Amino acid sequence: MAADMRGGNVADGPSLESMLGEARAAGVPRFDAELMVARAAGLTRGSLLAHGHRSLPAGALGPLREALRRRAAGEPLAYIDGRREFWSLELEVSPAVLVPRPETEQLVEATLDRLLPAPQAVADLGTGSGAIALALAKERPQWQVTATDVSAEAIAVAKRNAERLGLASRIEFLHGAWFGPIAGRQFDAIVSNPPYVDAGDPALAALRHEPRAALVASDQGFADLLALVRHAPSFLKHGGWLLLEHGATQGSRVAAALVTRGFTRVVCLPDLAGRDRVCCAQWP
């Protein structure tokens, strides 16, 4: 039975092919459109094209159209789904936290490369969804990871992720800004993906659905990065590491600040696009 494209009927809804066309006409990116329609039909994205003639299951049309509307308005797919994969971990995400990016996996890799698997104390400052802390705890069961965030909502999201993934016993979650919650303590490594976007950066328009406080920093995006460089030595053991994610054009200034502060073995690591993304430095 043929179905009306706009509303369908009880027996069956629009064809999957027509829903793809509707999504694309609304401005939904092709990959996302295919993924969303496939999920609504209970298919994988890879099998969608072979089944485009099928009708959308009854009851799926309304939720799918609402999801497509939100995506067309620029809302990240991760917020619509309520989840995002990072380091092969499925994480809960919400507008209270940044959507974890693949580039941040470079920060995890750099930390794992510089510390021994033996027991270590590691602090993740500004943890957000807990992505970095959870990845480190998963890979290094003997490490004790401390994760902080100034947002109570973000800490709640991170805690739920840890509990669902069975990693809660390996991570200590503390509410507070930067070094405040870890006063008087020292670590083998401090890692952070802090706000580093300049308030005037036009790229912010595309990020309007994500928490601005987790994106924007003063001093052309450098304020939090430089504060972490300035204060980290008081919280690092001798030979401890500071590892920072930064913007694609910020590496040279961050590296210079690390050298000036007295750090050694300073290096900036590129992301998959070849742009400096993570600065690593050791406290002598």
Protein backbone atom coordinates (compact mmCIF):
# COMPACT_ATOMS: atom_id res chain seq x y z
CA MET A 1 0.00 0.00 0.00
CA ALA A 2 1.35 3.42 -0.89
CA ALA A 3 1.78 5.86 1.98
CA ASP A 4 1.52 9.63 2.03
CA MET A 5 5.05 11.07 2.37
CA ARG A 6 4.12 13.61 5.00
CA GLY A 7 2.08 11.53 7.34
CA GLY A 8 1.93 7.90 6.26
CA ASN A 9 -0.79 5.74 7.77
CA VAL A 10 -1.20 3.11 10.42
CA ALA A 11 -0.26 0.26 8.09
CA ASP A 12 2.99 1.68 6.81
CA GLY A 13 4.85 4.94 6.52
CA PRO A 14 6.85 6.61 3.78
CA SER A 15 9.55 4.62 2.03
CA LEU A 16 13.05 4.82 3.45
CA GLU A 17 14.20 6.30 0.15
CA SER A 18 11.66 9.11 0.40
CA MET A 19 12.70 9.84 3.98
CA LEU A 20 16.31 10.13 2.86
CA GLY A 21 15.23 12.62 0.23
CA GLU A 22 13.23 14.57 2.78
CA ALA A 23 16.19 14.69 5.15
CA ARG A 24 18.60 15.85 2.49
CA ALA A 25 16.17 18.51 1.28
CA ALA A 26 15.99 19.82 4.85
CA GLY A 27 19.77 20.20 4.95
CA VAL A 28 20.72 17.17 7.05
CA PRO A 29 24.25 15.99 6.12
CA ARG A 30 24.14 12.86 4.00
CA PHE A 31 25.98 10.56 6.41
CA ASP A 32 23.78 11.62 9.32
CA ALA A 33 20.60 11.32 7.24
CA GLU A 34 21.47 7.78 6.21
CA LEU A 35 22.38 6.82 9.77
CA MET A 36 19.20 8.27 11.28
CA VAL A 37 16.85 6.74 8.71
CA ALA A 38 18.60 3.38 8.98
CA ARG A 39 18.28 3.36 12.76
CA ALA A 40 14.60 4.26 12.56
CA ALA A 41 14.08 1.28 10.25
CA GLY A 42 16.12 -1.09 12.40
CA LEU A 43 18.84 -1.42 9.75
CA THR A 44 22.54 -0.72 9.54
CA ARG A 45 23.60 2.23 7.43
CA GLY A 46 25.39 -0.17 5.10
CA SER A 47 22.20 -2.10 4.35
CA LEU A 48 19.98 0.95 3.92
CA LEU A 49 20.42 1.47 0.18
CA ALA A 50 19.51 -2.13 -0.58
CA HIS A 51 16.24 -1.70 1.31
CA GLY A 52 15.26 1.83 0.28
CA HIS A 53 11.95 0.58 -1.09
CA ARG A 54 10.83 -0.56 2.37
CA SER A 55 8.35 1.49 4.34
CA LEU A 56 9.23 3.08 7.65
CA PRO A 57 7.85 1.01 10.54
CA ALA A 58 4.63 2.19 12.13
CA GLY A 59 5.29 4.65 14.93
CA ALA A 60 8.76 5.58 13.72
CA LEU A 61 7.79 8.48 11.48
CA GLY A 62 7.08 11.09 14.18
CA PRO A 63 10.25 10.50 16.21
CA LEU A 64 12.37 10.37 13.05
CA ARG A 65 10.98 13.62 11.69
CA GLU A 66 11.59 15.33 15.03
CA ALA A 67 15.18 14.03 15.12
CA LEU A 68 15.75 15.19 11.54
CA ARG A 69 14.33 18.60 12.39
CA ARG A 70 16.78 18.99 15.26
CA ARG A 71 19.71 17.87 13.12
CA ALA A 72 18.73 20.23 10.31
CA ALA A 73 18.77 23.05 12.89
CA GLY A 74 22.41 22.26 13.64
CA GLU A 75 22.08 20.23 16.83
CA PRO A 76 24.83 17.58 17.03
CA LEU A 77 23.71 14.06 16.29
CA ALA A 78 25.33 12.98 19.56
CA TYR A 79 22.87 15.12 21.54
CA ILE A 80 19.93 13.78 19.56
CA ASP A 81 21.06 10.20 20.15
CA GLY A 82 22.24 10.93 23.69
CA ARG A 83 25.46 9.02 23.06
CA ARG A 84 28.83 9.19 21.32
CA GLU A 85 31.62 6.67 20.88
CA PHE A 86 35.08 7.59 22.14
CA TRP A 87 38.03 5.22 22.42
CA SER A 88 35.60 2.32 21.68
CA LEU A 89 33.50 3.36 24.68
CA GLU A 90 29.88 4.35 24.22
CA LEU A 91 29.40 7.50 26.29
CA GLU A 92 26.29 9.31 27.37
CA VAL A 93 26.42 12.92 26.23
CA SER A 94 24.08 15.85 26.75
CA PRO A 95 24.16 19.63 26.19
CA ALA A 96 25.88 19.84 29.60
CA VAL A 97 29.10 18.48 28.06
CA LEU A 98 31.09 18.85 24.87
CA VAL A 99 30.69 16.16 22.25
CA PRO A 100 33.92 14.09 22.45
CA ARG A 101 36.04 14.49 19.30
CA PRO A 102 38.36 11.96 17.64
CA GLU A 103 41.21 14.48 17.99
CA THR A 104 41.08 14.09 21.76
CA GLU A 105 42.05 10.44 21.44
CA GLN A 106 45.53 11.81 20.63
CA LEU A 107 45.66 13.14 24.20
CA VAL A 108 44.83 9.68 25.56
CA GLU A 109 47.47 8.04 23.36
CA ALA A 110 50.13 10.53 24.41
CA THR A 111 49.42 9.90 28.10
CA LEU A 112 49.55 6.13 27.70
CA ASP A 113 52.85 6.44 25.83
CA ARG A 114 54.54 8.49 28.56
CA LEU A 115 53.55 6.70 31.74
CA LEU A 116 54.27 3.15 32.84
CA PRO A 117 51.39 0.68 33.25
CA ALA A 118 52.38 0.37 36.91
CA PRO A 119 50.31 2.31 39.48
CA GLN A 120 50.18 6.00 38.63
CA ALA A 121 48.13 8.94 39.81
CA VAL A 122 46.60 10.90 36.92
CA ALA A 123 44.34 13.97 37.01
CA ASP A 124 41.97 14.89 34.16
CA LEU A 125 41.01 18.54 34.64
CA GLY A 126 37.77 19.68 33.00
CA THR A 127 36.59 16.12 32.39
CA GLY A 128 33.21 16.91 30.79
CA SER A 129 31.62 13.58 29.81
CA GLY A 130 34.58 11.79 31.40
CA ALA A 131 35.89 10.66 28.01
CA ILE A 132 39.61 11.04 28.73
CA ALA A 133 39.45 9.74 32.30
CA LEU A 134 37.36 6.73 31.25
CA ALA A 135 39.68 5.84 28.37
CA LEU A 136 42.72 5.99 30.67
CA ALA A 137 41.01 3.94 33.38
CA LYS A 138 39.98 1.34 30.82
CA GLU A 139 43.51 0.96 29.43
CA ARG A 140 45.38 1.14 32.73
CA PRO A 141 43.54 -0.75 35.50
CA GLN A 142 46.33 -0.01 37.99
CA TRP A 143 46.13 3.75 37.61
CA GLN A 144 44.06 5.88 39.94
CA VAL A 145 42.41 8.61 37.90
CA THR A 146 40.99 11.80 39.39
CA ALA A 147 38.56 13.78 37.22
CA THR A 148 37.41 17.33 37.97
CA ASP A 149 34.94 19.72 36.40
CA VAL A 150 33.47 23.07 37.41
CA SER A 151 30.08 21.94 36.10
CA ALA A 152 28.07 19.77 38.48
CA GLU A 153 25.94 18.63 35.54
CA ALA A 154 29.04 17.47 33.68
CA ILE A 155 30.29 15.56 36.72
CA ALA A 156 26.91 13.83 36.94
CA VAL A 157 27.15 12.75 33.29
CA ALA A 158 30.73 11.51 33.78
CA LYS A 159 29.76 9.54 36.88
CA ARG A 160 26.90 7.83 35.04
CA ASN A 161 29.27 6.89 32.24
CA ALA A 162 31.76 5.44 34.71
CA GLU A 163 29.09 3.42 36.49
CA ARG A 164 27.59 2.05 33.27
CA LEU A 165 31.03 1.06 31.97
CA GLY A 166 32.10 -0.58 35.23
CA LEU A 167 34.93 1.91 35.79
CA ALA A 168 33.57 3.87 38.75
CA SER A 169 35.94 2.25 41.26
CA ARG A 170 38.97 3.48 39.29
CA ILE A 171 37.98 7.13 38.96
CA GLU A 172 37.54 9.79 41.63
CA PHE A 173 35.18 12.55 40.51
CA LEU A 174 35.51 15.99 42.11
CA HIS A 175 33.43 19.10 41.52
CA GLY A 176 35.37 22.33 41.15
CA ALA A 177 37.44 24.51 38.83
CA TRP A 178 40.83 23.32 37.62
CA PHE A 179 43.25 22.73 40.51
CA GLY A 180 40.83 23.75 43.26
CA PRO A 181 39.53 20.25 44.07
CA ILE A 182 43.05 18.71 44.15
CA ALA A 183 44.77 21.26 46.40
CA GLY A 184 47.77 19.80 48.23
CA ARG A 185 48.03 16.73 46.02
CA GLN A 186 50.56 15.69 43.39
CA PHE A 187 50.23 13.51 40.32
CA ASP A 188 52.33 11.58 37.85
CA ALA A 189 50.44 13.27 35.03
CA ILE A 190 47.91 16.04 34.55
CA VAL A 191 45.89 15.99 31.34
CA SER A 192 43.34 18.48 30.09
CA ASN A 193 41.28 19.47 27.07
CA PRO A 194 40.45 22.99 28.28
CA PRO A 195 38.49 25.76 26.55
CA TYR A 196 40.73 27.21 23.83
CA VAL A 197 38.44 28.92 21.31
CA ASP A 198 38.61 32.70 20.95
CA ALA A 199 35.31 34.47 21.63
CA GLY A 200 35.45 36.05 18.17
CA ASP A 201 36.10 32.83 16.26
CA PRO A 202 33.45 32.40 13.54
CA ALA A 203 33.62 28.62 14.08
CA LEU A 204 31.58 29.13 17.26
CA ALA A 205 28.45 29.53 15.16
CA ALA A 206 28.59 25.85 14.27
CA LEU A 207 29.13 24.97 17.94
CA ARG A 208 26.22 26.98 19.33
CA HIS A 209 24.50 23.92 20.81
CA GLU A 210 27.52 22.97 22.95
CA PRO A 211 28.32 24.56 26.34
CA ARG A 212 30.09 27.86 25.64
CA ALA A 213 31.97 27.76 28.94
CA ALA A 214 33.67 24.55 27.84
CA LEU A 215 34.72 26.09 24.52
CA VAL A 216 35.67 29.74 24.95
CA ALA A 217 38.64 31.24 26.78
CA SER A 218 39.86 34.82 26.96
CA ASP A 219 43.24 36.04 25.68
CA GLN A 220 42.40 34.81 22.17
CA GLY A 221 41.66 31.35 23.57
CA PHE A 222 44.89 31.01 25.56
CA ALA A 223 43.83 32.00 29.09
CA ASP A 224 43.05 28.54 30.45
CA LEU A 225 45.90 26.85 28.61
CA LEU A 226 48.44 29.29 30.04
CA ALA A 227 46.93 29.07 33.53
CA LEU A 228 47.34 25.30 33.44
CA VAL A 229 50.97 25.67 32.37
CA ARG A 230 51.61 28.23 35.13
CA HIS A 231 50.09 26.30 38.02
CA ALA A 232 50.63 22.64 37.08
CA PRO A 233 54.17 22.29 38.55
CA SER A 234 52.79 22.63 42.08
CA PHE A 235 50.65 19.56 41.44
CA LEU A 236 53.15 17.38 39.60
CA LYS A 237 55.61 14.92 41.06
CA HIS A 238 59.22 15.21 39.92
CA GLY A 239 59.27 13.79 36.40
CA GLY A 240 55.52 14.21 36.08
CA TRP A 241 53.87 15.08 32.77
CA LEU A 242 51.53 17.83 31.66
CA LEU A 243 49.56 17.05 28.51
CA LEU A 244 47.27 19.63 26.94
CA GLU A 245 44.98 19.61 23.94
CA HIS A 246 44.87 22.97 22.12
CA GLY A 247 43.70 24.59 18.91
CA ALA A 248 45.30 23.88 15.55
CA THR A 249 47.26 27.16 15.51
CA GLN A 250 48.12 27.40 19.22
CA GLY A 251 50.90 24.84 19.53
CA SER A 252 53.90 27.16 19.21
CA ARG A 253 52.71 29.57 21.90
CA VAL A 254 51.78 26.77 24.29
CA ALA A 255 55.16 25.08 23.73
CA ALA A 256 56.99 28.35 24.34
CA ALA A 257 55.07 28.88 27.57
CA LEU A 258 55.99 25.38 28.75
CA VAL A 259 59.69 25.99 28.08
CA THR A 260 59.60 29.37 29.82
CA ARG A 261 57.90 27.81 32.85
CA GLY A 262 60.74 25.31 33.16
CA PHE A 263 59.30 22.17 31.62
CA THR A 264 61.56 19.84 29.64
CA ARG A 265 61.00 17.35 26.79
CA VAL A 266 58.42 19.68 25.28
CA VAL A 267 56.81 18.35 22.13
CA CYS A 268 53.66 19.12 20.13
CA LEU A 269 51.94 16.16 18.50
CA PRO A 270 49.90 16.43 15.28
CA ASP A 271 46.36 15.22 14.76
CA LEU A 272 45.29 13.10 11.77
CA ALA A 273 45.16 16.24 9.63
CA GLY A 274 48.79 17.02 10.46
CA ARG A 275 48.01 20.02 12.66
CA ASP A 276 49.58 20.40 16.11
CA ARG A 277 46.91 19.30 18.60
CA VAL A 278 48.54 18.11 21.85
CA CYS A 279 51.50 19.56 23.75
CA CYS A 280 53.36 17.28 26.16
CA ALA A 281 56.00 18.37 28.67
CA GLN A 282 57.81 16.87 31.67
CA TRP A 283 58.45 18.61 34.96
CA PRO A 284 62.14 18.03 35.81
